Amino acid sequence: MVRISTPQSLEVEALTFHVNEAEASTRLDAFLSNHIDNWSRARLQRLIEDGDVLVNGRPSKSAYRLRTNDVIEAELTAPAAAEFVPEDLPLEILYEDEDIIVVNKPAGMVVHPAAGYSSGTLANALAFHFSQLYSPQGTVRPGIVHRLDKDTSGLLVAAKHESAHEHLADQFRAREVFKSYIALVHGVMKEDAGKIEQPIARDPRNRTRMAVVRGGRLALSMYRARRHYHRFTLLDVEIKTGRTHQIRVHLEWLRHPVVGDTVYGGGRDNTVPEPGIRAAIRKLDRQFLHAEQLRFRHPQTGAELRFNAPLPDALQDFLNELETTPAA
């Protein structure tokens, strides 16, 4: 069995396994349980059911019996029980109680340790914050329920214990969590509203990227134009699924990539005719994507919680630049 970590450009823990002769006939869920630490078999089964595990490029079943040379791809978020080294990093906390914490993540911060990011992550910051609140006998470890890309800012909820993690994870799986983003894209979109329902998988031509791929995981994004600018459109984007880089991949597929996206932008940032706007994009040094709204049920009380994170100053300043820069 060979285990390969995905390159650093994907800010999730993505693993690839090659099944050898001795491991043939093993159930898929049992195989993953044997080779992935800190994940229960039940949680791995749910991961398989959600389509986040592929066998030879296709979704499979937990009971599937592996064959020699099968290739297994699994995408993981950090498990709830994972230990993170506490680091005293700034946190913008919007809500906190004994069960959950909601934060406004800044652009540039990775959510949890992964290849190339062993420190400086949100998980490290949460571990420090929790260590200040609880005694060593009552240590609480951050349960990362969902994720944001490194250069995406905005709202993220984490669980403080296993029960809260399970309740939140169930809501995400059932698509009961409302997640809405603000995105500025290249080009003036012809339709003011629409639905993108295209499957996403790793790009077969470039394994460091994701792409719309036939036979990939189901992905659904809904968008609505908030405002039109000269050469740009400001969008509200609601996602019904949580695939890696989903919004960025879907908008690239529409040929309206996110401004400042160096991975999926296709070089559009460098083709903007206005020198001032090109310079502003370089100064921005991030993608124009912000998780603005988050709505879910409290894992303990069942009450609906709603959160809103205003557009960061850097993104608002960029919009102001668009207002004042004359068309070329």
Protein backbone atom coordinates (compact mmCIF):
# COMPACT_ATOMS: atom_id res chain seq x y z
CA MET A 1 0.00 0.00 0.00
CA VAL A 2 1.34 3.43 -1.00
CA ARG A 3 -0.01 6.57 0.67
CA ILE A 4 0.50 9.88 -1.13
CA SER A 5 -0.36 13.35 0.20
CA THR A 6 -1.93 15.79 -2.23
CA PRO A 7 0.30 18.77 -3.22
CA GLN A 8 0.21 21.87 -1.04
CA SER A 9 -1.98 23.90 -3.38
CA LEU A 10 -5.07 21.99 -2.16
CA GLU A 11 -5.81 23.22 1.37
CA VAL A 12 -7.53 20.00 2.47
CA GLU A 13 -6.17 16.65 3.53
CA ALA A 14 -6.54 14.55 0.39
CA LEU A 15 -5.12 11.03 0.43
CA THR A 16 -4.53 8.46 -2.29
CA PHE A 17 -4.11 4.73 -1.62
CA HIS A 18 -3.05 1.94 -3.98
CA VAL A 19 -4.36 -1.49 -2.95
CA ASN A 20 -1.84 -4.30 -2.98
CA GLU A 21 -2.49 -8.02 -3.37
CA ALA A 22 -2.55 -8.69 0.38
CA GLU A 23 -5.30 -6.09 0.88
CA ALA A 24 -7.57 -7.39 -1.87
CA SER A 25 -11.06 -8.54 -0.75
CA THR A 26 -11.04 -6.08 2.19
CA ARG A 27 -14.17 -3.97 2.59
CA LEU A 28 -13.64 -0.35 1.60
CA ASP A 29 -14.70 1.05 4.99
CA ALA A 30 -12.48 -1.44 6.83
CA PHE A 31 -9.52 -0.57 4.61
CA LEU A 32 -9.92 3.14 5.33
CA SER A 33 -10.35 2.50 9.05
CA ASN A 34 -7.06 0.58 9.06
CA HIS A 35 -5.14 3.33 7.26
CA ILE A 36 -6.63 6.64 8.47
CA ASP A 37 -5.94 7.64 12.06
CA ASN A 38 -8.46 9.39 14.35
CA TRP A 39 -11.48 8.57 12.18
CA SER A 40 -14.16 6.15 13.41
CA ARG A 41 -15.47 3.54 11.01
CA ALA A 42 -18.95 5.10 11.23
CA ARG A 43 -17.64 8.50 10.20
CA LEU A 44 -15.69 6.97 7.34
CA GLN A 45 -18.87 5.22 6.17
CA ARG A 46 -20.64 8.58 6.08
CA LEU A 47 -17.73 10.01 4.13
CA ILE A 48 -18.15 7.22 1.58
CA GLU A 49 -21.92 7.79 1.43
CA ASP A 50 -21.36 11.52 0.77
CA GLY A 51 -19.22 10.69 -2.27
CA ASP A 52 -16.00 12.01 -0.74
CA VAL A 53 -14.26 8.68 -1.37
CA LEU A 54 -13.63 7.48 -4.91
CA VAL A 55 -12.49 4.06 -6.07
CA ASN A 56 -10.86 4.20 -9.49
CA GLY A 57 -12.35 7.65 -9.98
CA ARG A 58 -15.94 6.73 -9.08
CA PRO A 59 -18.06 6.83 -5.89
CA SER A 60 -18.42 3.46 -4.20
CA LYS A 61 -20.12 1.68 -1.30
CA SER A 62 -18.74 0.88 2.16
CA ALA A 63 -19.23 -2.82 1.50
CA TYR A 64 -17.27 -2.79 -1.76
CA ARG A 65 -14.59 -5.51 -1.76
CA LEU A 66 -11.30 -4.08 -2.92
CA ARG A 67 -9.30 -5.53 -5.78
CA THR A 68 -5.56 -5.50 -6.36
CA ASN A 69 -4.40 -2.20 -7.90
CA ASP A 70 -7.59 -0.34 -7.02
CA VAL A 71 -6.88 3.37 -6.49
CA ILE A 72 -8.72 5.01 -3.59
CA GLU A 73 -8.99 8.79 -3.22
CA ALA A 74 -10.35 10.25 0.02
CA GLU A 75 -10.81 13.91 0.97
CA LEU A 76 -10.82 14.62 4.69
CA THR A 77 -11.38 17.55 6.96
CA ALA A 78 -9.61 17.41 10.29
CA PRO A 79 -11.26 14.82 12.57
CA ALA A 80 -13.01 16.08 15.69
CA ALA A 81 -10.63 14.25 18.01
CA ALA A 82 -7.43 15.48 16.39
CA GLU A 83 -4.84 17.14 18.63
CA PHE A 84 -3.56 20.55 17.55
CA VAL A 85 -0.59 22.42 18.99
CA PRO A 86 -2.01 25.55 20.70
CA GLU A 87 -0.81 28.84 19.20
CA ASP A 88 -1.67 32.32 20.44
CA LEU A 89 -3.09 33.72 17.20
CA PRO A 90 -5.75 36.45 16.86
CA LEU A 91 -9.35 35.27 16.51
CA GLU A 92 -12.42 37.29 15.59
CA ILE A 93 -15.08 35.45 17.59
CA LEU A 94 -18.69 36.26 16.67
CA TYR A 95 -20.37 33.73 18.95
CA GLU A 96 -19.33 31.19 21.55
CA ASP A 97 -20.95 28.93 24.12
CA GLU A 98 -20.09 25.59 25.71
CA ASP A 99 -20.93 23.68 22.52
CA ILE A 100 -19.76 25.72 19.52
CA ILE A 101 -17.75 28.70 18.37
CA VAL A 102 -18.32 30.85 15.27
CA VAL A 103 -15.41 32.88 13.93
CA ASN A 104 -14.72 35.25 11.06
CA LYS A 105 -11.65 33.73 9.42
CA PRO A 106 -9.26 36.14 7.70
CA ALA A 107 -7.86 35.51 4.24
CA GLY A 108 -4.41 33.94 4.37
CA MET A 109 -5.18 31.56 7.26
CA VAL A 110 -5.43 27.82 6.60
CA VAL A 111 -8.27 26.13 8.51
CA HIS A 112 -6.36 23.10 9.80
CA PRO A 113 -2.86 21.60 9.56
CA ALA A 114 -2.16 19.86 6.27
CA ALA A 115 0.78 19.25 3.99
CA GLY A 116 2.97 22.35 4.15
CA TYR A 117 0.93 23.97 6.93
CA SER A 118 1.91 22.54 10.30
CA SER A 119 1.26 25.75 12.25
CA GLY A 120 -0.47 29.10 12.02
CA THR A 121 -3.83 27.53 11.25
CA LEU A 122 -7.28 28.26 12.62
CA ALA A 123 -7.23 24.91 14.41
CA ASN A 124 -4.01 25.91 16.20
CA ALA A 125 -5.60 29.22 17.23
CA LEU A 126 -8.76 27.50 18.49
CA ALA A 127 -6.72 24.97 20.46
CA PHE A 128 -4.98 27.85 22.26
CA HIS A 129 -8.26 29.66 22.88
CA PHE A 130 -9.84 26.52 24.33
CA SER A 131 -6.79 25.85 26.51
CA GLN A 132 -7.32 29.24 28.15
CA LEU A 133 -10.92 28.39 28.98
CA TYR A 134 -10.62 24.83 30.26
CA SER A 135 -8.38 23.00 32.68
CA PRO A 136 -6.08 20.24 31.37
CA GLN A 137 -8.56 17.71 32.78
CA GLY A 138 -11.32 19.23 30.65
CA THR A 139 -9.43 19.92 27.45
CA VAL A 140 -11.63 20.79 24.50
CA ARG A 141 -10.34 20.19 21.00
CA PRO A 142 -11.69 22.01 17.94
CA GLY A 143 -13.99 19.92 15.77
CA ILE A 144 -13.68 21.35 12.28
CA VAL A 145 -17.06 20.72 10.66
CA HIS A 146 -16.52 22.52 7.34
CA ARG A 147 -13.74 24.45 5.67
CA LEU A 148 -12.82 27.61 3.83
CA ASP A 149 -9.93 27.92 1.39
CA LYS A 150 -6.81 29.66 2.64
CA ASP A 151 -7.48 32.85 0.68
CA THR A 152 -11.22 32.92 1.36
CA SER A 153 -12.38 34.94 4.36
CA GLY A 154 -15.56 34.68 6.39
CA LEU A 155 -17.76 32.62 8.65
CA LEU A 156 -16.85 29.22 10.02
CA VAL A 157 -18.35 27.19 12.86
CA ALA A 158 -16.41 24.66 14.96
CA ALA A 159 -17.64 22.21 17.58
CA LYS A 160 -16.21 21.95 21.07
CA HIS A 161 -17.09 18.31 21.69
CA GLU A 162 -18.00 15.15 19.82
CA SER A 163 -21.76 15.39 20.27
CA ALA A 164 -21.88 18.93 18.87
CA HIS A 165 -19.63 17.87 16.01
CA GLU A 166 -21.95 15.00 15.10
CA HIS A 167 -25.06 17.21 15.16
CA LEU A 168 -23.48 19.88 12.99
CA ALA A 169 -22.02 17.31 10.61
CA ASP A 170 -25.48 15.77 10.20
CA GLN A 171 -26.88 19.18 9.23
CA PHE A 172 -24.16 19.71 6.64
CA ARG A 173 -24.72 16.24 5.18
CA ALA A 174 -28.48 16.84 4.99
CA ARG A 175 -27.86 20.21 3.27
CA GLU A 176 -29.73 22.00 6.04
CA VAL A 177 -26.99 24.58 6.60
CA PHE A 178 -27.35 27.87 4.71
CA LYS A 179 -24.00 29.13 3.36
CA SER A 180 -23.82 32.25 1.24
CA TYR A 181 -20.72 33.89 -0.22
CA ILE A 182 -19.88 37.16 -1.96
CA ALA A 183 -17.77 36.74 -5.09
CA LEU A 184 -16.52 39.26 -7.62
CA VAL A 185 -16.03 37.66 -11.02
CA HIS A 186 -14.57 38.72 -14.32
CA GLY A 187 -17.03 39.71 -17.02
CA VAL A 188 -20.60 40.96 -17.04
CA MET A 189 -22.84 37.93 -16.56
CA LYS A 190 -25.74 37.68 -19.01
CA GLU A 191 -28.06 36.05 -16.48
CA ASP A 192 -28.76 37.81 -13.20
CA ALA A 193 -29.47 34.51 -11.46
CA GLY A 194 -28.80 30.87 -12.12
CA LYS A 195 -27.94 27.39 -10.92
CA ILE A 196 -24.71 25.51 -11.55
CA GLU A 197 -25.14 21.77 -11.09
CA GLN A 198 -21.93 20.24 -12.36
CA PRO A 199 -19.89 17.35 -10.84
CA ILE A 200 -16.47 18.14 -9.42
CA ALA A 201 -13.41 15.92 -9.15
CA ARG A 202 -9.66 16.24 -9.36
CA ASP A 203 -8.59 17.59 -12.73
CA PRO A 204 -7.28 14.56 -14.69
CA ARG A 205 -4.83 16.82 -16.54
CA ASN A 206 -3.52 18.58 -13.42
CA ARG A 207 -3.86 16.72 -10.12
CA THR A 208 -3.20 19.86 -8.06
CA ARG A 209 -6.51 21.34 -9.23
CA MET A 210 -10.17 20.44 -9.12
CA ALA A 211 -12.40 20.67 -12.20
CA VAL A 212 -15.85 19.93 -13.57
CA VAL A 213 -15.40 16.26 -14.46
CA ARG A 214 -17.94 13.77 -15.74
CA GLY A 215 -18.49 11.15 -13.05
CA GLY A 216 -17.23 13.46 -10.28
CA ARG A 217 -19.01 14.33 -7.04
CA LEU A 218 -22.36 16.08 -7.25
CA ALA A 219 -21.97 19.83 -6.67
CA LEU A 220 -24.69 22.49 -6.67
CA SER A 221 -24.18 26.26 -6.52
CA MET A 222 -26.85 28.98 -6.83
CA TYR A 223 -25.89 32.53 -7.79
CA ARG A 224 -27.55 35.93 -8.04
CA ALA A 225 -26.02 39.18 -9.29
CA ARG A 226 -25.77 41.79 -6.57
CA ARG A 227 -24.26 44.48 -8.80
CA HIS A 228 -22.77 44.92 -12.26
CA TYR A 229 -19.55 46.84 -12.82
CA HIS A 230 -17.68 47.62 -16.00
CA ARG A 231 -16.05 44.22 -16.85
CA PHE A 232 -17.04 42.66 -13.49
CA THR A 233 -20.07 41.23 -11.68
CA LEU A 234 -20.58 41.05 -7.91
CA LEU A 235 -22.41 37.85 -6.97
CA ASP A 236 -24.17 36.28 -4.04
CA VAL A 237 -23.43 32.54 -4.22
CA GLU A 238 -25.21 29.93 -2.12
CA ILE A 239 -23.73 26.45 -2.09
CA LYS A 240 -25.80 23.35 -1.42
CA THR A 241 -22.80 21.02 -1.34
CA GLY A 242 -19.29 21.52 0.03
CA ARG A 243 -16.88 20.25 -2.61
CA THR A 244 -13.27 21.35 -2.60
CA HIS A 245 -12.94 24.78 -4.29
CA GLN A 246 -16.56 24.43 -5.42
CA ILE A 247 -17.43 28.07 -6.07
CA ARG A 248 -14.12 28.79 -7.78
CA VAL A 249 -14.40 25.73 -10.02
CA HIS A 250 -18.03 26.35 -10.93
CA LEU A 251 -17.44 30.00 -11.79
CA GLU A 252 -14.39 29.09 -13.86
CA TRP A 253 -16.59 26.58 -15.70
CA LEU A 254 -19.01 29.46 -16.48
CA ARG A 255 -16.01 31.40 -17.83
CA HIS A 256 -16.44 34.02 -15.12
CA PRO A 257 -13.55 33.23 -12.76
CA VAL A 258 -13.19 34.85 -9.36
CA VAL A 259 -11.06 38.00 -9.36
CA GLY A 260 -7.65 37.38 -7.79
CA ASP A 261 -7.85 33.58 -8.15
CA THR A 262 -4.39 32.55 -9.34
CA VAL A 263 -5.34 28.85 -9.59
CA TYR A 264 -8.65 29.01 -11.46
CA GLY A 265 -8.46 32.51 -12.90
CA GLY A 266 -6.99 31.49 -16.24
CA GLY A 267 -4.81 34.61 -16.29
CA ARG A 268 -7.82 36.94 -16.53
CA ASP A 269 -6.38 39.24 -13.84
CA ASN A 270 -3.51 40.15 -16.17
CA THR A 271 -5.76 40.95 -19.14
CA VAL A 272 -7.77 43.73 -17.46
CA PRO A 273 -7.21 46.79 -19.69
CA GLU A 274 -7.24 49.38 -16.89
CA PRO A 275 -3.73 49.62 -15.35
CA GLY A 276 -5.17 50.89 -12.08
CA ILE A 277 -7.44 47.86 -11.69
CA ARG A 278 -4.63 45.44 -12.58
CA ALA A 279 -2.49 47.09 -9.90
CA ALA A 280 -5.36 46.92 -7.41
CA ILE A 281 -5.77 43.18 -8.03
CA ARG A 282 -2.05 42.61 -7.41
CA LYS A 283 -2.27 44.69 -4.23
CA LEU A 284 -5.32 42.71 -3.10
CA ASP A 285 -3.14 39.56 -3.04
CA ARG A 286 -6.13 37.25 -2.45
CA GLN A 287 -9.19 35.97 -4.23
CA PHE A 288 -12.38 38.04 -4.01
CA LEU A 289 -14.42 35.42 -2.18
CA HIS A 290 -15.97 35.92 1.25
CA ALA A 291 -18.28 33.67 3.30
CA GLU A 292 -20.84 36.30 4.31
CA GLN A 293 -23.78 34.38 5.78
CA LEU A 294 -24.12 31.19 7.81
CA ARG A 295 -27.32 29.72 9.23
CA PHE A 296 -27.77 26.45 11.13
CA ARG A 297 -29.52 24.88 14.13
CA HIS A 298 -27.80 24.90 17.50
CA PRO A 299 -26.66 21.30 18.20
CA GLN A 300 -27.99 21.40 21.77
CA THR A 301 -31.12 23.58 21.74
CA GLY A 302 -32.23 23.24 18.12
CA ALA A 303 -32.66 27.02 17.88
CA GLU A 304 -31.80 28.57 14.52
CA LEU A 305 -28.63 30.68 14.62
CA ARG A 306 -27.88 33.29 11.94
CA PHE A 307 -24.57 35.04 11.38
CA ASN A 308 -23.37 37.72 9.00
CA ALA A 309 -19.78 38.83 8.38
CA PRO A 310 -19.43 42.17 6.55
CA LEU A 311 -17.12 42.41 3.56
CA PRO A 312 -13.49 42.88 4.72
CA ASP A 313 -12.03 46.36 4.24
CA ALA A 314 -9.62 45.16 1.55
CA LEU A 315 -12.48 43.83 -0.59
CA GLN A 316 -14.64 46.90 -0.02
CA ASP A 317 -11.70 49.13 -0.94
CA PHE A 318 -11.35 47.20 -4.19
CA LEU A 319 -15.00 47.80 -5.03
CA ASN A 320 -14.48 51.48 -4.31
CA GLU A 321 -11.59 51.40 -6.78
CA LEU A 322 -13.92 50.00 -9.43
CA GLU A 323 -16.31 52.88 -8.80
CA THR A 324 -13.68 55.55 -9.38
CA THR A 325 -11.61 54.02 -12.21
CA PRO A 326 -12.79 55.12 -15.67
CA ALA A 327 -13.30 52.48 -18.36
CA ALA A 328 -10.42 52.00 -20.78
